[in-house]
Amino acid sequence: MSEKVILVWFRNDLRIHDNEILSEAVRRADKVLPVYIFDPFYFKTSPLGALKTGSFRARFLLEAVADLRKNLQVFGAELLIRTGDPADVLTQLAEEYQVSEVYHHREVAPDETDVSERVEAALWKMKLNLKHFIGHTMYHKEDLPFPIKDIPDSFVTFKKKVERDSTVRPSVVSPEYINVPEIADAGKLPILTELGIPEPIDDIRAGERITGGETSALKQLHQYLESSVQNLQGKNGRNANYNSSGLGPWLAVGCISPRQVYWEVVNYYREKHLPNTDSIMLELLWRDYFRFMFKKHGQTFFRSEGFGDAPDMADNQDELFEQWKNGQTGVPFIDASMHQLNATGFITNYSRQAVATYLTKDLQVDWTKGALYFEEKLIDYSPASNWGNWAFVAGVGNDTKSNRFFNAAKPTDQLDDKSDFITTWLPLANAIDETPIISE
């Protein structure tokens, strides 16, 4: 009897811990074939010169894949790395390694689901099954108190019902060892230029660089928990809930799962005998909400009119958008935030709300331009969170009444115009003549 080989197709789940497709494959197969594919679709450049994946996120992704390979080797396994169309690559590997089945985590955004459907169709021609798993949310879809089509559009109602009637599943136990077939060519990790992406230029003002990988994700989580508990026990206890976890980049590509974050937080506070009032739970719930809304409403989130009527738009949109993206609006906090984004690939959630509100409300520029720009620039870009947040800010989302749970920015005239943040990030713009700063 031939050995059963299951191919594990890693996508936005670049981790060993709490990874159901990996654990299930180890449990059900004689041999497991871990695979990651760099799809050229995600590294293309638009006709206007914008990258679908910017330099900082691309580098972060390469680091995350390298860390996954290293961690798999600890378990006796190897990660096959390929570049190409997943439908072509997976069918070739399935034939070469006599694969019995392919496992992957289901996504919710159209680009990602289209890839899954093409892969599924290609494998079906070989009489092979593409098995779907759900592992990108804190609450499992099947544990919600309503089917996807009946999920409340109101975040407030969603939050109330889920917290009352659902529970977060335990994390999946990691395998002890992973048996793999004999691999002749594991494949080399590409460099950025091979993907058509320029090397990012690190800015000394950014401080410690954000590094991709499960190893860094776990380190970041534990540092965050330690600082949060210290704040609760010290003088800053009242403000502890407003600290951002900074886990967004690692959650976006699945170096850590929201479910693992949930249980690490719960257990940490329990060990310290402290009430768990950590704001990270609200961050994770918003993340779940947008993913489930994408599952329910799909393409509606990508239209300028969203779920209502298109907002009023300025006649000179292109000019205003250029000023906004280059940090040349004349509003110190907005400009400083955009300079930080362009120089690092990351800004705080509050800054995101502020610059999005300014672009859509003050400048009256089509919000989808801002969403596309964030898609290129953000290290922690995730389709559902990005497009869901932008639609919400623009007032065309599926829920416009949950502001008390949303970190809405102040009106422009109430934003800081003097602070350490502004003096750190604004001088660069003032030091370079009047020539617009063109981002990568």
Protein backbone atom coordinates (compact mmCIF):
# COMPACT_ATOMS: atom_id res chain seq x y z
CA MET A 1 0.00 0.00 0.00
CA SER A 2 1.43 3.39 -1.00
CA GLU A 3 2.17 6.08 1.55
CA LYS A 4 -0.33 8.89 2.03
CA VAL A 5 1.26 12.28 1.30
CA ILE A 6 -0.58 15.48 2.21
CA LEU A 7 0.68 18.75 0.76
CA VAL A 8 0.33 21.67 3.20
CA TRP A 9 -0.01 24.89 1.22
CA PHE A 10 1.09 27.76 3.46
CA ARG A 11 -0.34 31.17 2.62
CA ASN A 12 -1.17 33.67 5.39
CA ASP A 13 -0.51 31.12 8.13
CA LEU A 14 3.28 31.17 8.41
CA ARG A 15 3.59 29.43 11.77
CA ILE A 16 3.97 26.11 13.56
CA HIS A 17 1.86 26.86 16.66
CA ASP A 18 -1.93 26.68 16.41
CA ASN A 19 -1.82 25.71 12.75
CA GLU A 20 -4.63 23.27 12.08
CA ILE A 21 -3.65 22.36 8.52
CA LEU A 22 -0.18 21.34 9.67
CA SER A 23 -1.35 19.43 12.75
CA GLU A 24 -4.14 17.66 10.85
CA ALA A 25 -1.80 16.70 8.01
CA VAL A 26 0.70 15.23 10.46
CA ARG A 27 -2.10 13.28 12.14
CA ARG A 28 -3.65 11.92 8.94
CA ALA A 29 -0.71 11.39 6.58
CA ASP A 30 2.37 9.22 6.44
CA LYS A 31 4.34 12.11 4.97
CA VAL A 32 3.71 15.85 4.89
CA LEU A 33 4.94 18.18 2.16
CA PRO A 34 5.06 21.83 3.37
CA VAL A 35 4.99 24.35 0.49
CA TYR A 36 5.10 28.13 0.13
CA ILE A 37 4.58 29.81 -3.25
CA PHE A 38 5.55 33.37 -4.17
CA ASP A 39 2.76 34.31 -6.56
CA PRO A 40 3.87 37.02 -9.07
CA PHE A 41 0.33 38.44 -8.93
CA TYR A 42 1.08 39.97 -5.52
CA PHE A 43 4.29 41.65 -6.67
CA LYS A 44 3.01 43.32 -9.80
CA THR A 45 3.10 47.05 -10.50
CA SER A 46 -0.03 48.93 -11.57
CA PRO A 47 -0.08 51.09 -14.74
CA LEU A 48 0.26 54.11 -12.41
CA GLY A 49 3.45 52.70 -10.89
CA ALA A 50 2.02 51.54 -7.55
CA LEU A 51 3.18 48.21 -6.17
CA LYS A 52 0.60 45.71 -4.96
CA THR A 53 3.07 44.78 -2.23
CA GLY A 54 5.46 47.51 -1.11
CA SER A 55 9.10 47.10 -0.12
CA PHE A 56 8.62 46.92 3.64
CA ARG A 57 5.86 44.30 3.52
CA ALA A 58 7.70 42.25 0.90
CA ARG A 59 10.82 42.16 3.07
CA PHE A 60 8.74 41.26 6.12
CA LEU A 61 7.15 38.40 4.14
CA LEU A 62 10.54 37.05 3.03
CA GLU A 63 11.72 37.08 6.65
CA ALA A 64 8.55 35.29 7.76
CA VAL A 65 8.96 32.54 5.15
CA ALA A 66 12.63 32.13 6.08
CA ASP A 67 11.68 31.81 9.75
CA LEU A 68 9.00 29.24 8.92
CA ARG A 69 11.56 27.16 7.02
CA LYS A 70 13.97 27.35 9.95
CA ASN A 71 11.28 26.37 12.47
CA LEU A 72 10.07 23.47 10.32
CA GLN A 73 13.64 22.14 10.18
CA VAL A 74 13.60 21.92 13.98
CA PHE A 75 10.71 19.45 13.58
CA GLY A 76 12.61 17.40 11.02
CA ALA A 77 10.79 18.93 8.06
CA GLU A 78 11.68 21.16 5.12
CA LEU A 79 9.73 23.93 3.40
CA LEU A 80 9.54 23.79 -0.37
CA ILE A 81 9.72 27.28 -1.83
CA ARG A 82 8.56 28.00 -5.35
CA THR A 83 7.70 31.07 -7.45
CA GLY A 84 4.83 30.96 -9.95
CA ASP A 85 1.10 30.53 -10.39
CA PRO A 86 -0.14 28.36 -7.47
CA ALA A 87 -2.43 26.36 -9.78
CA ASP A 88 0.57 25.35 -11.91
CA VAL A 89 3.04 24.85 -9.06
CA LEU A 90 0.73 22.76 -6.88
CA THR A 91 -0.34 20.44 -9.68
CA GLN A 92 3.32 19.89 -10.64
CA LEU A 93 4.29 19.13 -7.04
CA ALA A 94 1.25 16.92 -6.55
CA GLU A 95 2.34 14.78 -9.49
CA GLU A 96 6.04 14.79 -8.56
CA TYR A 97 5.46 13.73 -4.94
CA GLN A 98 2.35 11.58 -5.56
CA VAL A 99 0.28 13.75 -3.25
CA SER A 100 -3.03 12.36 -1.96
CA GLU A 101 -4.61 15.64 -0.84
CA VAL A 102 -3.82 19.36 -0.44
CA TYR A 103 -4.64 21.34 2.71
CA HIS A 104 -4.95 25.11 2.96
CA HIS A 105 -6.62 27.85 5.01
CA ARG A 106 -9.60 29.52 3.38
CA GLU A 107 -9.38 33.29 2.76
CA VAL A 108 -12.20 35.84 2.40
CA ALA A 109 -11.05 38.57 -0.04
CA PRO A 110 -11.81 38.12 -3.76
CA ASP A 111 -8.19 37.96 -5.00
CA GLU A 112 -7.37 35.21 -2.50
CA THR A 113 -10.56 33.21 -3.01
CA ASP A 114 -10.09 33.37 -6.80
CA VAL A 115 -6.66 31.74 -6.40
CA SER A 116 -8.19 28.98 -4.24
CA GLU A 117 -10.88 28.31 -6.83
CA ARG A 118 -8.36 28.03 -9.67
CA VAL A 119 -6.20 25.69 -7.60
CA GLU A 120 -9.22 23.62 -6.65
CA ALA A 121 -10.27 23.29 -10.31
CA ALA A 122 -6.75 22.31 -11.39
CA LEU A 123 -6.43 19.68 -8.66
CA TRP A 124 -9.91 18.34 -9.40
CA LYS A 125 -8.77 17.50 -12.93
CA MET A 126 -6.16 15.27 -11.26
CA LYS A 127 -8.89 13.78 -9.05
CA LEU A 128 -7.30 15.43 -6.00
CA ASN A 129 -9.11 17.28 -3.23
CA LEU A 130 -8.25 20.76 -1.94
CA LYS A 131 -9.38 20.69 1.68
CA HIS A 132 -10.35 24.04 3.21
CA PHE A 133 -9.69 25.00 6.83
CA ILE A 134 -10.68 28.13 8.76
CA GLY A 135 -7.86 29.48 10.89
CA HIS A 136 -7.60 33.26 10.54
CA THR A 137 -10.11 34.40 13.16
CA MET A 138 -10.33 34.39 16.95
CA TYR A 139 -13.86 32.94 16.89
CA HIS A 140 -14.36 30.00 14.55
CA LYS A 141 -17.08 30.54 11.94
CA GLU A 142 -18.89 27.38 13.02
CA ASP A 143 -19.06 28.59 16.63
CA LEU A 144 -20.85 31.86 15.84
CA PRO A 145 -24.45 32.15 17.12
CA PHE A 146 -25.65 32.83 13.56
CA PRO A 147 -24.85 31.70 10.00
CA ILE A 148 -22.66 34.01 7.90
CA LYS A 149 -25.63 35.32 5.88
CA ASP A 150 -27.36 36.42 9.12
CA ILE A 151 -24.38 38.01 10.90
CA PRO A 152 -25.48 41.42 12.23
CA ASP A 153 -24.01 44.27 10.21
CA SER A 154 -23.83 46.33 13.39
CA PHE A 155 -20.51 45.77 15.18
CA VAL A 156 -22.19 46.55 18.54
CA THR A 157 -24.79 43.82 18.01
CA PHE A 158 -22.17 41.41 16.64
CA LYS A 159 -19.92 42.02 19.67
CA LYS A 160 -22.73 41.58 22.19
CA LYS A 161 -24.03 38.32 20.74
CA VAL A 162 -20.63 36.73 20.07
CA GLU A 163 -19.24 37.53 23.53
CA ARG A 164 -22.43 36.22 25.14
CA ASP A 165 -23.05 33.08 23.09
CA SER A 166 -19.68 31.97 21.64
CA THR A 167 -16.39 30.74 23.05
CA VAL A 168 -12.89 30.77 21.63
CA ARG A 169 -11.63 27.29 20.82
CA PRO A 170 -8.41 26.04 22.45
CA SER A 171 -5.26 26.40 20.38
CA VAL A 172 -4.33 23.39 18.26
CA VAL A 173 -1.48 21.34 19.70
CA SER A 174 1.74 21.55 17.68
CA PRO A 175 3.15 18.33 16.18
CA GLU A 176 6.09 16.66 17.87
CA TYR A 177 7.75 15.65 14.62
CA ILE A 178 6.98 16.08 10.91
CA ASN A 179 7.82 13.32 8.43
CA VAL A 180 8.45 14.58 4.92
CA PRO A 181 9.13 12.78 1.63
CA GLU A 182 12.64 12.79 0.24
CA ILE A 183 13.06 16.25 -1.25
CA ALA A 184 15.52 16.74 -4.09
CA ASP A 185 15.14 20.49 -4.48
CA ALA A 186 13.67 22.51 -1.60
CA GLY A 187 14.03 25.75 -3.53
CA LYS A 188 15.82 28.96 -2.70
CA LEU A 189 14.25 31.92 -0.95
CA PRO A 190 14.05 34.69 -3.57
CA ILE A 191 15.49 38.14 -2.97
CA LEU A 192 13.39 41.28 -3.36
CA THR A 193 14.80 42.29 -6.73
CA GLU A 194 13.92 38.84 -8.14
CA LEU A 195 10.32 39.62 -7.19
CA GLY A 196 10.54 43.02 -8.87
CA ILE A 197 10.53 44.87 -5.54
CA PRO A 198 13.14 47.52 -4.62
CA GLU A 199 15.01 47.17 -1.34
CA PRO A 200 13.42 49.30 1.40
CA ILE A 201 15.48 52.12 2.91
CA ASP A 202 15.38 52.01 6.71
CA ASP A 203 14.89 55.35 8.44
CA ILE A 204 16.88 55.87 11.66
CA ARG A 205 13.85 57.61 13.20
CA ALA A 206 11.86 54.38 13.07
CA GLY A 207 13.69 52.77 15.99
CA GLU A 208 13.81 48.99 16.17
CA ARG A 209 12.96 47.37 12.85
CA ILE A 210 9.92 45.10 12.58
CA THR A 211 11.16 41.63 11.60
CA GLY A 212 8.95 38.94 10.09
CA GLY A 213 8.49 35.44 11.48
CA GLU A 214 6.81 33.42 14.22
CA THR A 215 9.89 33.80 16.43
CA SER A 216 9.58 37.60 16.41
CA ALA A 217 5.79 37.43 16.80
CA LEU A 218 6.01 35.47 20.04
CA LYS A 219 8.69 37.83 21.33
CA GLN A 220 6.52 40.86 20.53
CA LEU A 221 3.49 39.32 22.26
CA HIS A 222 5.39 38.57 25.45
CA GLN A 223 6.96 42.03 25.53
CA TYR A 224 3.54 43.58 25.09
CA LEU A 225 2.01 41.50 27.89
CA GLU A 226 4.81 42.36 30.29
CA SER A 227 4.50 46.09 29.61
CA SER A 228 0.68 45.97 29.87
CA VAL A 229 0.77 44.25 33.24
CA GLN A 230 3.41 46.69 34.50
CA ASN A 231 1.15 49.56 33.46
CA LEU A 232 -1.81 48.01 35.24
CA GLN A 233 0.20 47.53 38.42
CA GLY A 234 1.77 50.98 38.24
CA LYS A 235 0.67 54.56 37.91
CA ASN A 236 -0.40 54.20 34.29
CA GLY A 237 -3.10 51.64 35.03
CA ARG A 238 -5.92 53.86 33.79
CA ASN A 239 -4.29 54.19 30.39
CA ALA A 240 -3.08 50.63 29.97
CA ASN A 241 -6.04 49.68 27.78
CA TYR A 242 -5.05 52.21 25.13
CA ASN A 243 -1.68 50.62 24.36
CA SER A 244 -1.52 49.04 20.91
CA SER A 245 -0.22 45.48 20.84
CA GLY A 246 1.82 46.13 17.68
CA LEU A 247 1.02 42.58 16.54
CA GLY A 248 -0.67 43.64 13.29
CA PRO A 249 2.18 42.73 10.90
CA TRP A 250 2.53 39.22 12.31
CA LEU A 251 -1.24 38.61 12.44
CA ALA A 252 -1.56 39.74 8.82
CA VAL A 253 0.58 36.90 7.45
CA GLY A 254 -0.28 34.46 10.22
CA CYS A 255 3.05 34.30 12.05
CA ILE A 256 0.79 34.11 15.09
CA SER A 257 -2.90 33.27 15.21
CA PRO A 258 -5.55 35.48 16.85
CA ARG A 259 -6.65 32.43 18.83
CA GLN A 260 -3.18 31.94 20.27
CA VAL A 261 -2.98 35.65 21.14
CA TYR A 262 -6.34 35.37 22.93
CA TRP A 263 -5.28 32.43 25.09
CA GLU A 264 -1.80 33.79 25.79
CA VAL A 265 -3.40 37.01 27.05
CA VAL A 266 -6.06 35.22 29.11
CA ASN A 267 -3.56 32.86 30.74
CA TYR A 268 -1.00 35.59 31.39
CA TYR A 269 -3.47 37.78 33.26
CA ARG A 270 -4.78 34.75 35.14
CA GLU A 271 -1.27 33.83 36.30
CA LYS A 272 -0.75 37.41 37.51
CA HIS A 273 -4.13 37.35 39.32
CA LEU A 274 -5.21 40.48 37.47
CA PRO A 275 -8.55 41.30 35.81
CA ASN A 276 -8.25 40.85 32.06
CA THR A 277 -9.36 44.18 30.61
CA ASP A 278 -6.84 44.17 27.79
CA SER A 279 -7.90 46.18 24.74
CA ILE A 280 -6.29 43.61 22.46
CA MET A 281 -9.50 41.56 22.72
CA LEU A 282 -11.40 44.44 21.10
CA GLU A 283 -8.72 44.72 18.37
CA LEU A 284 -9.09 40.99 17.60
CA LEU A 285 -12.88 41.20 17.61
CA TRP A 286 -12.85 44.09 15.11
CA ARG A 287 -10.51 41.98 12.98
CA ASP A 288 -12.95 39.03 13.13
CA TYR A 289 -15.87 41.29 12.34
CA PHE A 290 -14.34 42.66 9.14
CA ARG A 291 -13.36 39.18 7.95
CA PHE A 292 -16.89 37.88 8.52
CA MET A 293 -18.34 40.98 6.82
CA PHE A 294 -16.14 40.25 3.80
CA LYS A 295 -17.42 36.70 3.78
CA LYS A 296 -20.98 38.03 3.86
CA HIS A 297 -20.75 41.03 1.50
CA GLY A 298 -17.68 40.41 -0.69
CA GLN A 299 -17.07 42.87 -3.52
CA THR A 300 -19.27 45.61 -2.06
CA PHE A 301 -16.34 46.74 0.09
CA PHE A 302 -14.31 47.69 -3.00
CA ARG A 303 -16.81 50.09 -4.55
CA SER A 304 -16.57 53.86 -4.06
CA GLU A 305 -20.24 53.97 -3.07
CA GLY A 306 -19.80 51.02 -0.71
CA PHE A 307 -23.13 50.19 0.92
CA GLY A 308 -24.71 53.58 0.20
CA ASP A 309 -24.18 56.53 -2.09
CA ALA A 310 -20.74 57.70 -3.20
CA PRO A 311 -19.67 60.68 -1.05
CA ASP A 312 -19.19 64.13 -2.57
CA MET A 313 -15.78 64.33 -4.22
CA ALA A 314 -13.48 67.25 -5.05
CA ASP A 315 -12.83 68.17 -8.68
CA ASN A 316 -9.02 68.23 -8.22
CA GLN A 317 -8.79 64.80 -6.57
CA ASP A 318 -5.49 63.76 -8.12
CA GLU A 319 -3.73 66.92 -6.93
CA LEU A 320 -5.14 66.64 -3.40
CA PHE A 321 -4.29 62.94 -3.23
CA GLU A 322 -0.67 63.62 -4.18
CA GLN A 323 -0.41 66.24 -1.42
CA TRP A 324 -1.89 63.79 1.08
CA LYS A 325 0.28 60.80 0.20
CA ASN A 326 3.46 62.89 0.16
CA GLY A 327 2.71 64.56 3.49
CA GLN A 328 2.28 68.03 2.02
CA THR A 329 -1.20 69.01 3.19
CA GLY A 330 0.00 71.68 5.62
CA VAL A 331 -1.64 69.92 8.60
CA PRO A 332 1.27 68.90 10.87
CA PHE A 333 -0.19 65.71 12.36
CA ILE A 334 -1.46 64.44 8.99
CA ASP A 335 1.83 65.20 7.23
CA ALA A 336 3.93 63.67 10.01
CA SER A 337 1.81 60.50 9.91
CA MET A 338 2.20 60.17 6.14
CA HIS A 339 5.96 60.70 6.33
CA GLN A 340 6.16 57.98 8.96
CA LEU A 341 4.06 55.63 6.81
CA ASN A 342 6.20 56.24 3.72
CA ALA A 343 9.44 55.82 5.68
CA THR A 344 8.52 52.74 7.73
CA GLY A 345 5.42 50.99 6.39
CA PHE A 346 3.67 51.41 9.73
CA ILE A 347 1.59 53.99 11.64
CA THR A 348 -0.63 53.62 14.70
CA ASN A 349 -4.31 52.85 14.46
CA TYR A 350 -5.12 56.39 15.60
CA SER A 351 -2.95 57.89 12.86
CA ARG A 352 -4.69 55.68 10.31
CA GLN A 353 -8.10 56.96 11.37
CA ALA A 354 -6.80 60.55 11.32
CA VAL A 355 -5.28 60.46 7.82
CA ALA A 356 -8.23 58.51 6.41
CA THR A 357 -10.73 60.96 7.91
CA TYR A 358 -8.76 63.91 6.55
CA LEU A 359 -8.53 62.45 3.04
CA THR A 360 -12.21 61.56 2.82
CA LYS A 361 -13.91 64.29 4.84
CA ASP A 362 -11.65 67.35 4.54
CA LEU A 363 -10.15 66.81 1.09
CA GLN A 364 -13.17 64.90 -0.29
CA VAL A 365 -10.99 62.44 -2.18
CA ASP A 366 -12.32 59.01 -3.21
CA TRP A 367 -11.60 56.76 -0.22
CA THR A 368 -10.59 53.84 -2.46
CA LYS A 369 -7.47 55.80 -3.48
CA GLY A 370 -6.40 55.87 0.16
CA ALA A 371 -7.23 52.19 0.64
CA LEU A 372 -5.11 51.25 -2.38
CA TYR A 373 -2.24 53.37 -1.11
CA PHE A 374 -2.37 51.65 2.27
CA GLU A 375 -2.41 48.30 0.44
CA GLU A 376 0.94 49.17 -1.07
CA LYS A 377 2.56 50.77 1.96
CA LEU A 378 1.41 48.97 5.10
CA ILE A 379 3.51 46.14 6.48
CA ASP A 380 0.39 44.79 8.18
CA TYR A 381 -1.96 45.12 5.21
CA SER A 382 -4.85 42.67 5.39
CA PRO A 383 -7.65 43.06 2.81
CA ALA A 384 -10.67 42.80 5.13
CA SER A 385 -9.30 45.06 7.87
CA ASN A 386 -7.93 47.64 5.44
CA TRP A 387 -10.93 47.99 3.13
CA GLY A 388 -13.43 47.52 5.95
CA ASN A 389 -11.82 50.29 8.02
CA TRP A 390 -11.59 52.70 5.08
CA ALA A 391 -15.25 52.15 4.14
CA PHE A 392 -16.21 52.71 7.78
CA VAL A 393 -14.27 55.99 7.98
CA ALA A 394 -15.64 57.17 4.63
CA GLY A 395 -19.18 56.58 5.88
CA VAL A 396 -20.04 54.00 3.21
CA GLY A 397 -19.48 50.84 5.25
CA ASN A 398 -22.14 48.37 6.30
CA ASP A 399 -22.22 49.83 9.83
CA THR A 400 -21.92 53.55 10.53
CA LYS A 401 -23.27 53.57 14.09
CA SER A 402 -20.58 51.83 16.15
CA ASN A 403 -18.35 54.84 16.75
CA ARG A 404 -18.17 54.34 20.49
CA PHE A 405 -16.20 51.15 19.79
CA PHE A 406 -14.17 52.70 16.98
CA ASN A 407 -10.98 54.66 17.53
CA ALA A 408 -12.25 57.68 15.62
CA ALA A 409 -9.80 60.55 15.12
CA LYS A 410 -10.39 64.11 16.29
CA PRO A 411 -11.49 66.81 13.84
CA THR A 412 -8.58 68.38 11.96
CA ASP A 413 -8.57 71.56 14.05
CA GLN A 414 -8.17 69.48 17.23
CA LEU A 415 -5.20 67.39 16.07
CA ASP A 416 -1.79 68.00 17.63
CA ASP A 417 0.35 70.54 15.85
CA LYS A 418 3.25 70.36 18.31
CA SER A 419 4.51 67.11 19.79
CA ASP A 420 7.55 64.84 19.84
CA PHE A 421 5.88 62.79 17.12
CA ILE A 422 5.53 65.78 14.82
CA THR A 423 9.02 67.15 15.46
CA THR A 424 10.40 63.67 14.73
CA TRP A 425 8.62 63.09 11.44
CA LEU A 426 7.95 66.50 9.95
CA PRO A 427 11.41 68.17 9.66
CA LEU A 428 12.47 65.88 6.81
CA ALA A 429 9.76 67.35 4.60
CA ASN A 430 10.72 70.89 5.51
CA ALA A 431 14.41 70.24 4.85
CA ILE A 432 13.83 69.18 1.24
CA ASP A 433 12.88 72.17 -0.95
CA GLU A 434 9.39 72.39 -2.42
CA THR A 435 9.77 69.38 -4.72
CA PRO A 436 7.06 66.80 -3.89
CA ILE A 437 8.34 63.66 -2.23
CA ILE A 438 7.38 60.82 -4.54
CA SER A 439 6.89 57.55 -2.71
CA GLU A 440 8.15 54.26 -4.01
